Amino acid sequence: MGLFDGMLGSLMGGKIGDALRQNCPPDVLPALERLLADSDAVKTITGYVGDCMGGLADLSVEDLKALPFGREAADLLQQNTALAEHLVNTAREKLGL
């Protein structure tokens, strides 16, 4: 695991989870917790953010929602645009994307 992968894993698995919770609107928090509990969804988001950091993808709510998630995570993001917006805004703020 390279430094880049380790940083992303740390951010998504721990620090970013804390940052997402800290700044999360109260009505979005239950959906965020469900998403963070889905390890496959977290891996998918981590990979996407890594691609964005590497210049291989552009960070956007639309692209995030279009990722190949399992049914529950996909439904969660499709039904809760505020959750997707919160994820994108936090990535922009914390990672400078």
PDB file of N, CA and C in Angstrom:
ATOM      1  N   MET A   1       0.852  -1.174   0.000  1.00  0.00           N
ATOM      2  CA  MET A   1       0.000   0.000   0.000  1.00  0.00           C
ATOM      3  C   MET A   1       0.895   1.233   0.000  1.00  0.00           C
ATOM      4  N   GLY A   2       0.679   2.087  -0.982  1.00  0.00           N
ATOM      5  CA  GLY A   2       1.473   3.293  -1.068  1.00  0.00           C
ATOM      6  C   GLY A   2       0.978   4.373  -0.127  1.00  0.00           C
ATOM      7  N   LEU A   3       1.749   5.410  -0.037  1.00  0.00           N
ATOM      8  CA  LEU A   3       1.392   6.536   0.821  1.00  0.00           C
ATOM      9  C   LEU A   3       0.036   7.124   0.434  1.00  0.00           C
ATOM     10  N   PHE A   4      -0.184   7.263  -0.847  1.00  0.00           N
ATOM     11  CA  PHE A   4      -1.441   7.806  -1.353  1.00  0.00           C
ATOM     12  C   PHE A   4      -2.621   6.941  -0.920  1.00  0.00           C
ATOM     13  N   ASP A   5      -2.504   5.626  -1.102  1.00  0.00           N
ATOM     14  CA  ASP A   5      -3.575   4.710  -0.710  1.00  0.00           C
ATOM     15  C   ASP A   5      -3.802   4.743   0.790  1.00  0.00           C
ATOM     16  N   GLY A   6      -2.712   4.809   1.539  1.00  0.00           N
ATOM     17  CA  GLY A   6      -2.831   4.863   2.991  1.00  0.00           C
ATOM     18  C   GLY A   6      -3.534   6.126   3.448  1.00  0.00           C
ATOM     19  N   MET A   7      -3.218   7.237   2.805  1.00  0.00           N
ATOM     20  CA  MET A   7      -3.848   8.502   3.164  1.00  0.00           C
ATOM     21  C   MET A   7      -5.349   8.451   2.882  1.00  0.00           C
ATOM     22  N   LEU A   8      -5.721   7.953   1.718  1.00  0.00           N
ATOM     23  CA  LEU A   8      -7.136   7.862   1.383  1.00  0.00           C
ATOM     24  C   LEU A   8      -7.869   6.925   2.323  1.00  0.00           C
ATOM     25  N   GLY A   9      -7.256   5.783   2.611  1.00  0.00           N
ATOM     26  CA  GLY A   9      -7.880   4.835   3.528  1.00  0.00           C
ATOM     27  C   GLY A   9      -8.077   5.437   4.897  1.00  0.00           C
ATOM     28  N   SER A  10      -7.085   6.161   5.363  1.00  0.00           N
ATOM     29  CA  SER A  10      -7.178   6.813   6.665  1.00  0.00           C
ATOM     30  C   SER A  10      -8.269   7.870   6.670  1.00  0.00           C
ATOM     31  N   LEU A  11      -8.334   8.645   5.600  1.00  0.00           N
ATOM     32  CA  LEU A  11      -9.330   9.704   5.530  1.00  0.00           C
ATOM     33  C   LEU A  11     -10.742   9.133   5.477  1.00  0.00           C
ATOM     34  N   MET A  12     -10.970   8.174   4.616  1.00  0.00           N
ATOM     35  CA  MET A  12     -12.318   7.634   4.476  1.00  0.00           C
ATOM     36  C   MET A  12     -12.685   6.778   5.680  1.00  0.00           C
ATOM     37  N   GLY A  13     -11.757   6.006   6.186  1.00  0.00           N
ATOM     38  CA  GLY A  13     -12.076   5.086   7.254  1.00  0.00           C
ATOM     39  C   GLY A  13     -12.158   5.722   8.622  1.00  0.00           C
ATOM     40  N   GLY A  14     -11.441   6.790   8.849  1.00  0.00           N
ATOM     41  CA  GLY A  14     -11.400   7.350  10.188  1.00  0.00           C
ATOM     42  C   GLY A  14     -11.572   8.841  10.213  1.00  0.00           C
ATOM     43  N   LYS A  15     -10.526   9.536   9.861  1.00  0.00           N
ATOM     44  CA  LYS A  15     -10.546  10.996   9.986  1.00  0.00           C
ATOM     45  C   LYS A  15     -11.646  11.638   9.159  1.00  0.00           C
ATOM     46  N   ILE A  16     -11.828  11.162   7.953  1.00  0.00           N
ATOM     47  CA  ILE A  16     -12.863  11.786   7.130  1.00  0.00           C
ATOM     48  C   ILE A  16     -14.237  11.424   7.670  1.00  0.00           C
ATOM     49  N   GLY A  17     -14.374  10.218   8.202  1.00  0.00           N
ATOM     50  CA  GLY A  17     -15.639   9.858   8.832  1.00  0.00           C
ATOM     51  C   GLY A  17     -15.956  10.799   9.975  1.00  0.00           C
ATOM     52  N   ASP A  18     -14.947  11.104  10.768  1.00  0.00           N
ATOM     53  CA  ASP A  18     -15.134  12.058  11.871  1.00  0.00           C
ATOM     54  C   ASP A  18     -15.477  13.446  11.341  1.00  0.00           C
ATOM     55  N   ALA A  19     -14.763  13.880  10.297  1.00  0.00           N
ATOM     56  CA  ALA A  19     -15.027  15.206   9.718  1.00  0.00           C
ATOM     57  C   ALA A  19     -16.422  15.254   9.102  1.00  0.00           C
ATOM     58  N   LEU A  20     -16.824  14.178   8.445  1.00  0.00           N
ATOM     59  CA  LEU A  20     -18.159  14.136   7.865  1.00  0.00           C
ATOM     60  C   LEU A  20     -19.232  14.214   8.942  1.00  0.00           C
ATOM     61  N   ARG A  21     -19.008  13.512  10.023  1.00  0.00           N
ATOM     62  CA  ARG A  21     -19.983  13.544  11.123  1.00  0.00           C
ATOM     63  C   ARG A  21     -20.027  14.931  11.781  1.00  0.00           C
ATOM     64  N   GLN A  22     -18.870  15.523  11.973  1.00  0.00           N
ATOM     65  CA  GLN A  22     -18.777  16.799  12.675  1.00  0.00           C
ATOM     66  C   GLN A  22     -19.546  17.894  11.957  1.00  0.00           C
ATOM     67  N   ASN A  23     -19.457  17.953  10.673  1.00  0.00           N
ATOM     68  CA  ASN A  23     -20.073  19.025   9.899  1.00  0.00           C
ATOM     69  C   ASN A  23     -21.373  18.609   9.221  1.00  0.00           C
ATOM     70  N   CYS A  24     -21.877  17.450   9.580  1.00  0.00           N
ATOM     71  CA  CYS A  24     -23.044  16.903   8.908  1.00  0.00           C
ATOM     72  C   CYS A  24     -24.329  17.542   9.418  1.00  0.00           C
ATOM     73  N   PRO A  25     -25.191  17.978   8.498  1.00  0.00           N
ATOM     74  CA  PRO A  25     -26.498  18.465   8.931  1.00  0.00           C
ATOM     75  C   PRO A  25     -27.235  17.343   9.682  1.00  0.00           C
ATOM     76  N   PRO A  26     -27.914  17.669  10.757  1.00  0.00           N
ATOM     77  CA  PRO A  26     -28.576  16.647  11.572  1.00  0.00           C
ATOM     78  C   PRO A  26     -29.529  15.741  10.795  1.00  0.00           C
ATOM     79  N   ASP A  27     -30.218  16.277   9.808  1.00  0.00           N
ATOM     80  CA  ASP A  27     -31.155  15.454   9.048  1.00  0.00           C
ATOM     81  C   ASP A  27     -30.460  14.516   8.062  1.00  0.00           C
ATOM     82  N   VAL A  28     -29.178  14.717   7.805  1.00  0.00           N
ATOM     83  CA  VAL A  28     -28.409  13.879   6.891  1.00  0.00           C
ATOM     84  C   VAL A  28     -27.618  12.806   7.660  1.00  0.00           C
ATOM     85  N   LEU A  29     -27.390  13.036   8.928  1.00  0.00           N
ATOM     86  CA  LEU A  29     -26.533  12.151   9.733  1.00  0.00           C
ATOM     87  C   LEU A  29     -26.962  10.682   9.716  1.00  0.00           C
ATOM     88  N   PRO A  30     -28.226  10.331   9.855  1.00  0.00           N
ATOM     89  CA  PRO A  30     -28.579   8.906   9.802  1.00  0.00           C
ATOM     90  C   PRO A  30     -28.186   8.241   8.474  1.00  0.00           C
ATOM     91  N   ALA A  31     -28.390   8.938   7.363  1.00  0.00           N
ATOM     92  CA  ALA A  31     -27.999   8.394   6.062  1.00  0.00           C
ATOM     93  C   ALA A  31     -26.482   8.286   5.954  1.00  0.00           C
ATOM     94  N   LEU A  32     -25.767   9.261   6.479  1.00  0.00           N
ATOM     95  CA  LEU A  32     -24.305   9.209   6.472  1.00  0.00           C
ATOM     96  C   LEU A  32     -23.808   8.000   7.252  1.00  0.00           C
ATOM     97  N   GLU A  33     -24.374   7.757   8.410  1.00  0.00           N
ATOM     98  CA  GLU A  33     -23.952   6.615   9.228  1.00  0.00           C
ATOM     99  C   GLU A  33     -24.202   5.301   8.498  1.00  0.00           C
ATOM    100  N   ARG A  34     -25.335   5.207   7.818  1.00  0.00           N
ATOM    101  CA  ARG A  34     -25.617   3.989   7.040  1.00  0.00           C
ATOM    102  C   ARG A  34     -24.597   3.814   5.921  1.00  0.00           C
ATOM    103  N   LEU A  35     -24.249   4.899   5.266  1.00  0.00           N
ATOM    104  CA  LEU A  35     -23.272   4.824   4.177  1.00  0.00           C
ATOM    105  C   LEU A  35     -21.893   4.439   4.708  1.00  0.00           C
ATOM    106  N   LEU A  36     -21.458   5.055   5.798  1.00  0.00           N
ATOM    107  CA  LEU A  36     -20.141   4.750   6.361  1.00  0.00           C
ATOM    108  C   LEU A  36     -20.049   3.317   6.893  1.00  0.00           C
ATOM    109  N   ALA A  37     -21.183   2.729   7.231  1.00  0.00           N
ATOM    110  CA  ALA A  37     -21.194   1.346   7.719  1.00  0.00           C
ATOM    111  C   ALA A  37     -21.064   0.334   6.577  1.00  0.00           C
ATOM    112  N   ASP A  38     -21.206   0.788   5.356  1.00  0.00           N
ATOM    113  CA  ASP A  38     -21.128  -0.074   4.172  1.00  0.00           C
ATOM    114  C   ASP A  38     -19.699  -0.038   3.637  1.00  0.00           C
ATOM    115  N   SER A  39     -18.914  -1.062   3.966  1.00  0.00           N
ATOM    116  CA  SER A  39     -17.491  -1.052   3.592  1.00  0.00           C
ATOM    117  C   SER A  39     -17.293  -1.026   2.082  1.00  0.00           C
ATOM    118  N   ASP A  40     -18.173  -1.664   1.320  1.00  0.00           N
ATOM    119  CA  ASP A  40     -18.043  -1.620  -0.141  1.00  0.00           C
ATOM    120  C   ASP A  40     -18.291  -0.213  -0.666  1.00  0.00           C
ATOM    121  N   ALA A  41     -19.264   0.471  -0.098  1.00  0.00           N
ATOM    122  CA  ALA A  41     -19.541   1.852  -0.516  1.00  0.00           C
ATOM    123  C   ALA A  41     -18.361   2.752  -0.172  1.00  0.00           C
ATOM    124  N   VAL A  42     -17.790   2.555   1.008  1.00  0.00           N
ATOM    125  CA  VAL A  42     -16.629   3.357   1.411  1.00  0.00           C
ATOM    126  C   VAL A  42     -15.465   3.108   0.454  1.00  0.00           C
ATOM    127  N   LYS A  43     -15.244   1.871   0.065  1.00  0.00           N
ATOM    128  CA  LYS A  43     -14.169   1.550  -0.893  1.00  0.00           C
ATOM    129  C   LYS A  43     -14.431   2.203  -2.245  1.00  0.00           C
ATOM    130  N   THR A  44     -15.683   2.173  -2.679  1.00  0.00           N
ATOM    131  CA  THR A  44     -16.032   2.795  -3.961  1.00  0.00           C
ATOM    132  C   THR A  44     -15.783   4.297  -3.912  1.00  0.00           C
ATOM    133  N   ILE A  45     -16.214   4.933  -2.838  1.00  0.00           N
ATOM    134  CA  ILE A  45     -16.005   6.373  -2.691  1.00  0.00           C
ATOM    135  C   ILE A  45     -14.520   6.693  -2.583  1.00  0.00           C
ATOM    136  N   THR A  46     -13.780   5.883  -1.834  1.00  0.00           N
ATOM    137  CA  THR A  46     -12.337   6.084  -1.688  1.00  0.00           C
ATOM    138  C   THR A  46     -11.646   6.020  -3.045  1.00  0.00           C
ATOM    139  N   GLY A  47     -12.006   5.035  -3.849  1.00  0.00           N
ATOM    140  CA  GLY A  47     -11.422   4.912  -5.184  1.00  0.00           C
ATOM    141  C   GLY A  47     -11.745   6.109  -6.059  1.00  0.00           C
ATOM    142  N   TYR A  48     -12.985   6.562  -5.988  1.00  0.00           N
ATOM    143  CA  TYR A  48     -13.409   7.729  -6.769  1.00  0.00           C
ATOM    144  C   TYR A  48     -12.662   8.980  -6.335  1.00  0.00           C
ATOM    145  N   VAL A  49     -12.566   9.195  -5.032  1.00  0.00           N
ATOM    146  CA  VAL A  49     -11.835  10.365  -4.534  1.00  0.00           C
ATOM    147  C   VAL A  49     -10.367  10.275  -4.956  1.00  0.00           C
ATOM    148  N   GLY A  50      -9.801   9.080  -4.914  1.00  0.00           N
ATOM    149  CA  GLY A  50      -8.423   8.894  -5.377  1.00  0.00           C
ATOM    150  C   GLY A  50      -8.274   9.259  -6.841  1.00  0.00           C
ATOM    151  N   ASP A  51      -9.239   8.847  -7.665  1.00  0.00           N
ATOM    152  CA  ASP A  51      -9.208   9.210  -9.082  1.00  0.00           C
ATOM    153  C   ASP A  51      -9.304  10.727  -9.247  1.00  0.00           C
ATOM    154  N   CYS A  52     -10.133  11.370  -8.426  1.00  0.00           N
ATOM    155  CA  CYS A  52     -10.261  12.828  -8.493  1.00  0.00           C
ATOM    156  C   CYS A  52      -8.951  13.503  -8.094  1.00  0.00           C
ATOM    157  N   MET A  53      -8.324  12.989  -7.046  1.00  0.00           N
ATOM    158  CA  MET A  53      -7.049  13.560  -6.601  1.00  0.00           C
ATOM    159  C   MET A  53      -5.968  13.369  -7.651  1.00  0.00           C
ATOM    160  N   GLY A  54      -6.040  12.267  -8.392  1.00  0.00           N
ATOM    161  CA  GLY A  54      -5.057  11.993  -9.433  1.00  0.00           C
ATOM    162  C   GLY A  54      -5.380  12.630 -10.768  1.00  0.00           C
ATOM    163  N   GLY A  55      -6.467  13.386 -10.839  1.00  0.00           N
ATOM    164  CA  GLY A  55      -6.829  14.052 -12.082  1.00  0.00           C
ATOM    165  C   GLY A  55      -7.526  13.148 -13.084  1.00  0.00           C
ATOM    166  N   LEU A  56      -7.928  11.951 -12.655  1.00  0.00           N
ATOM    167  CA  LEU A  56      -8.570  11.010 -13.564  1.00  0.00           C
ATOM    168  C   LEU A  56     -10.088  11.156 -13.593  1.00  0.00           C
ATOM    169  N   ALA A  57     -10.627  11.916 -12.666  1.00  0.00           N
ATOM    170  CA  ALA A  57     -12.074  12.143 -12.605  1.00  0.00           C
ATOM    171  C   ALA A  57     -12.315  13.513 -12.002  1.00  0.00           C
ATOM    172  N   ASP A  58     -13.484  14.042 -12.292  1.00  0.00           N
ATOM    173  CA  ASP A  58     -13.884  15.322 -11.715  1.00  0.00           C
ATOM    174  C   ASP A  58     -14.874  15.046 -10.592  1.00  0.00           C
ATOM    175  N   LEU A  59     -14.669  15.701  -9.475  1.00  0.00           N
ATOM    176  CA  LEU A  59     -15.531  15.525  -8.314  1.00  0.00           C
ATOM    177  C   LEU A  59     -16.847  16.257  -8.529  1.00  0.00           C
ATOM    178  N   SER A  60     -17.939  15.507  -8.520  1.00  0.00           N
ATOM    179  CA  SER A  60     -19.257  16.121  -8.654  1.00  0.00           C
ATOM    180  C   SER A  60     -20.300  15.223  -7.998  1.00  0.00           C
ATOM    181  N   VAL A  61     -21.383  15.830  -7.616  1.00  0.00           N
ATOM    182  CA  VAL A  61     -22.494  15.084  -7.022  1.00  0.00           C
ATOM    183  C   VAL A  61     -23.033  14.071  -8.032  1.00  0.00           C
ATOM    184  N   GLU A  62     -23.191  14.485  -9.274  1.00  0.00           N
ATOM    185  CA  GLU A  62     -23.737  13.611 -10.307  1.00  0.00           C
ATOM    186  C   GLU A  62     -22.848  12.392 -10.518  1.00  0.00           C
ATOM    187  N   ASP A  63     -21.540  12.612 -10.612  1.00  0.00           N
ATOM    188  CA  ASP A  63     -20.619  11.490 -10.820  1.00  0.00           C
ATOM    189  C   ASP A  63     -20.564  10.579  -9.600  1.00  0.00           C
ATOM    190  N   LEU A  64     -20.611  11.153  -8.413  1.00  0.00           N
ATOM    191  CA  LEU A  64     -20.619  10.353  -7.188  1.00  0.00           C
ATOM    192  C   LEU A  64     -21.847   9.447  -7.170  1.00  0.00           C
ATOM    193  N   LYS A  65     -23.002   9.995  -7.474  1.00  0.00           N
ATOM    194  CA  LYS A  65     -24.237   9.219  -7.445  1.00  0.00           C
ATOM    195  C   LYS A  65     -24.275   8.146  -8.526  1.00  0.00           C
ATOM    196  N   ALA A  66     -23.482   8.308  -9.585  1.00  0.00           N
ATOM    197  CA  ALA A  66     -23.462   7.355 -10.693  1.00  0.00           C
ATOM    198  C   ALA A  66     -22.460   6.216 -10.500  1.00  0.00           C
ATOM    199  N   LEU A  67     -21.712   6.230  -9.411  1.00  0.00           N
ATOM    200  CA  LEU A  67     -20.724   5.173  -9.179  1.00  0.00           C
ATOM    201  C   LEU A  67     -21.414   3.824  -9.000  1.00  0.00           C
ATOM    202  N   PRO A  68     -20.680   2.745  -9.246  1.00  0.00           N
ATOM    203  CA  PRO A  68     -21.278   1.402  -9.156  1.00  0.00           C
ATOM    204  C   PRO A  68     -21.406   0.910  -7.714  1.00  0.00           C
ATOM    205  N   PHE A  69     -22.379   1.425  -7.012  1.00  0.00           N
ATOM    206  CA  PHE A  69     -22.649   1.039  -5.633  1.00  0.00           C
ATOM    207  C   PHE A  69     -23.570  -0.164  -5.598  1.00  0.00           C
ATOM    208  N   GLY A  70     -23.580  -0.821  -4.447  1.00  0.00           N
ATOM    209  CA  GLY A  70     -24.607  -1.811  -4.191  1.00  0.00           C
ATOM    210  C   GLY A  70     -25.951  -1.113  -4.108  1.00  0.00           C
ATOM    211  N   ARG A  71     -27.001  -1.904  -4.135  1.00  0.00           N
ATOM    212  CA  ARG A  71     -28.350  -1.331  -4.195  1.00  0.00           C
ATOM    213  C   ARG A  71     -28.647  -0.371  -3.038  1.00  0.00           C
ATOM    214  N   GLU A  72     -28.312  -0.751  -1.800  1.00  0.00           N
ATOM    215  CA  GLU A  72     -28.653   0.086  -0.653  1.00  0.00           C
ATOM    216  C   GLU A  72     -27.939   1.435  -0.706  1.00  0.00           C
ATOM    217  N   ALA A  73     -26.638   1.415  -0.986  1.00  0.00           N
ATOM    218  CA  ALA A  73     -25.886   2.675  -1.050  1.00  0.00           C
ATOM    219  C   ALA A  73     -26.355   3.533  -2.216  1.00  0.00           C
ATOM    220  N   ALA A  74     -26.619   2.896  -3.358  1.00  0.00           N
ATOM    221  CA  ALA A  74     -27.099   3.648  -4.525  1.00  0.00           C
ATOM    222  C   ALA A  74     -28.437   4.307  -4.220  1.00  0.00           C
ATOM    223  N   ASP A  75     -29.354   3.547  -3.606  1.00  0.00           N
ATOM    224  CA  ASP A  75     -30.655   4.106  -3.250  1.00  0.00           C
ATOM    225  C   ASP A  75     -30.500   5.242  -2.242  1.00  0.00           C
ATOM    226  N   LEU A  76     -29.625   5.031  -1.283  1.00  0.00           N
ATOM    227  CA  LEU A  76     -29.399   6.041  -0.248  1.00  0.00           C
ATOM    228  C   LEU A  76     -28.944   7.359  -0.856  1.00  0.00           C
ATOM    229  N   LEU A  77     -27.997   7.296  -1.786  1.00  0.00           N
ATOM    230  CA  LEU A  77     -27.483   8.514  -2.425  1.00  0.00           C
ATOM    231  C   LEU A  77     -28.493   9.119  -3.397  1.00  0.00           C
ATOM    232  N   GLN A  78     -29.234   8.280  -4.102  1.00  0.00           N
ATOM    233  CA  GLN A  78     -30.227   8.791  -5.046  1.00  0.00           C
ATOM    234  C   GLN A  78     -31.371   9.490  -4.321  1.00  0.00           C
ATOM    235  N   GLN A  79     -31.743   8.966  -3.167  1.00  0.00           N
ATOM    236  CA  GLN A  79     -32.870   9.514  -2.427  1.00  0.00           C
ATOM    237  C   GLN A  79     -32.481  10.673  -1.524  1.00  0.00           C
ATOM    238  N   ASN A  80     -31.187  10.873  -1.328  1.00  0.00           N
ATOM    239  CA  ASN A  80     -30.733  11.884  -0.386  1.00  0.00           C
ATOM    240  C   ASN A  80     -29.621  12.720  -1.026  1.00  0.00           C
ATOM    241  N   THR A  81     -30.011  13.639  -1.888  1.00  0.00           N
ATOM    242  CA  THR A  81     -29.030  14.481  -2.568  1.00  0.00           C
ATOM    243  C   THR A  81     -28.197  15.272  -1.569  1.00  0.00           C
ATOM    244  N   ALA A  82     -28.776  15.629  -0.431  1.00  0.00           N
ATOM    245  CA  ALA A  82     -28.023  16.378   0.586  1.00  0.00           C
ATOM    246  C   ALA A  82     -26.842  15.554   1.097  1.00  0.00           C
ATOM    247  N   LEU A  83     -26.983  14.239   1.155  1.00  0.00           N
ATOM    248  CA  LEU A  83     -25.870  13.376   1.570  1.00  0.00           C
ATOM    249  C   LEU A  83     -24.754  13.436   0.536  1.00  0.00           C
ATOM    250  N   ALA A  84     -25.099  13.282  -0.724  1.00  0.00           N
ATOM    251  CA  ALA A  84     -24.089  13.354  -1.787  1.00  0.00           C
ATOM    252  C   ALA A  84     -23.412  14.722  -1.807  1.00  0.00           C
ATOM    253  N   GLU A  85     -24.188  15.767  -1.642  1.00  0.00           N
ATOM    254  CA  GLU A  85     -23.617  17.113  -1.602  1.00  0.00           C
ATOM    255  C   GLU A  85     -22.674  17.268  -0.413  1.00  0.00           C
ATOM    256  N   HIS A  86     -23.044  16.719   0.713  1.00  0.00           N
ATOM    257  CA  HIS A  86     -22.191  16.798   1.903  1.00  0.00           C
ATOM    258  C   HIS A  86     -20.864  16.064   1.667  1.00  0.00           C
ATOM    259  N   LEU A  87     -20.916  14.896   1.054  1.00  0.00           N
ATOM    260  CA  LEU A  87     -19.689  14.140   0.756  1.00  0.00           C
ATOM    261  C   LEU A  87     -18.774  14.922  -0.174  1.00  0.00           C
ATOM    262  N   VAL A  88     -19.341  15.476  -1.230  1.00  0.00           N
ATOM    263  CA  VAL A  88     -18.554  16.231  -2.209  1.00  0.00           C
ATOM    264  C   VAL A  88     -17.985  17.500  -1.583  1.00  0.00           C
ATOM    265  N   ASN A  89     -18.810  18.226  -0.851  1.00  0.00           N
ATOM    266  CA  ASN A  89     -18.334  19.469  -0.231  1.00  0.00           C
ATOM    267  C   ASN A  89     -17.235  19.202   0.792  1.00  0.00           C
ATOM    268  N   THR A  90     -17.347  18.128   1.546  1.00  0.00           N
ATOM    269  CA  THR A  90     -16.313  17.795   2.527  1.00  0.00           C
ATOM    270  C   THR A  90     -15.028  17.391   1.828  1.00  0.00           C
ATOM    271  N   ALA A  91     -15.125  16.624   0.746  1.00  0.00           N
ATOM    272  CA  ALA A  91     -13.922  16.245   0.004  1.00  0.00           C
ATOM    273  C   ALA A  91     -13.236  17.489  -0.566  1.00  0.00           C
ATOM    274  N   ARG A  92     -14.011  18.402  -1.065  1.00  0.00           N
ATOM    275  CA  ARG A  92     -13.427  19.635  -1.608  1.00  0.00           C
ATOM    276  C   ARG A  92     -12.725  20.425  -0.504  1.00  0.00           C
ATOM    277  N   GLU A  93     -13.370  20.529   0.630  1.00  0.00           N
ATOM    278  CA  GLU A  93     -12.824  21.312   1.745  1.00  0.00           C
ATOM    279  C   GLU A  93     -11.586  20.650   2.333  1.00  0.00           C
ATOM    280  N   LYS A  94     -11.668  19.360   2.608  1.00  0.00           N
ATOM    281  CA  LYS A  94     -10.595  18.665   3.320  1.00  0.00           C
ATOM    282  C   LYS A  94      -9.433  18.248   2.417  1.00  0.00           C
ATOM    283  N   LEU A  95      -9.728  17.987   1.135  1.00  0.00           N
ATOM    284  CA  LEU A  95      -8.686  17.498   0.232  1.00  0.00           C
ATOM    285  C   LEU A  95      -8.319  18.496  -0.847  1.00  0.00           C
ATOM    286  N   GLY A  96      -8.979  19.639  -0.867  1.00  0.00           N
ATOM    287  CA  GLY A  96      -8.651  20.669  -1.841  1.00  0.00           C
ATOM    288  C   GLY A  96      -9.041  20.318  -3.259  1.00  0.00           C
ATOM    289  N   LEU A  97     -10.080  19.519  -3.412  1.00  0.00           N
ATOM    290  CA  LEU A  97     -10.512  19.129  -4.767  1.00  0.00           C
ATOM    291  C   LEU A  97     -11.477  20.140  -5.354  1.00  0.00           C
TER     292      LEU A  97
END
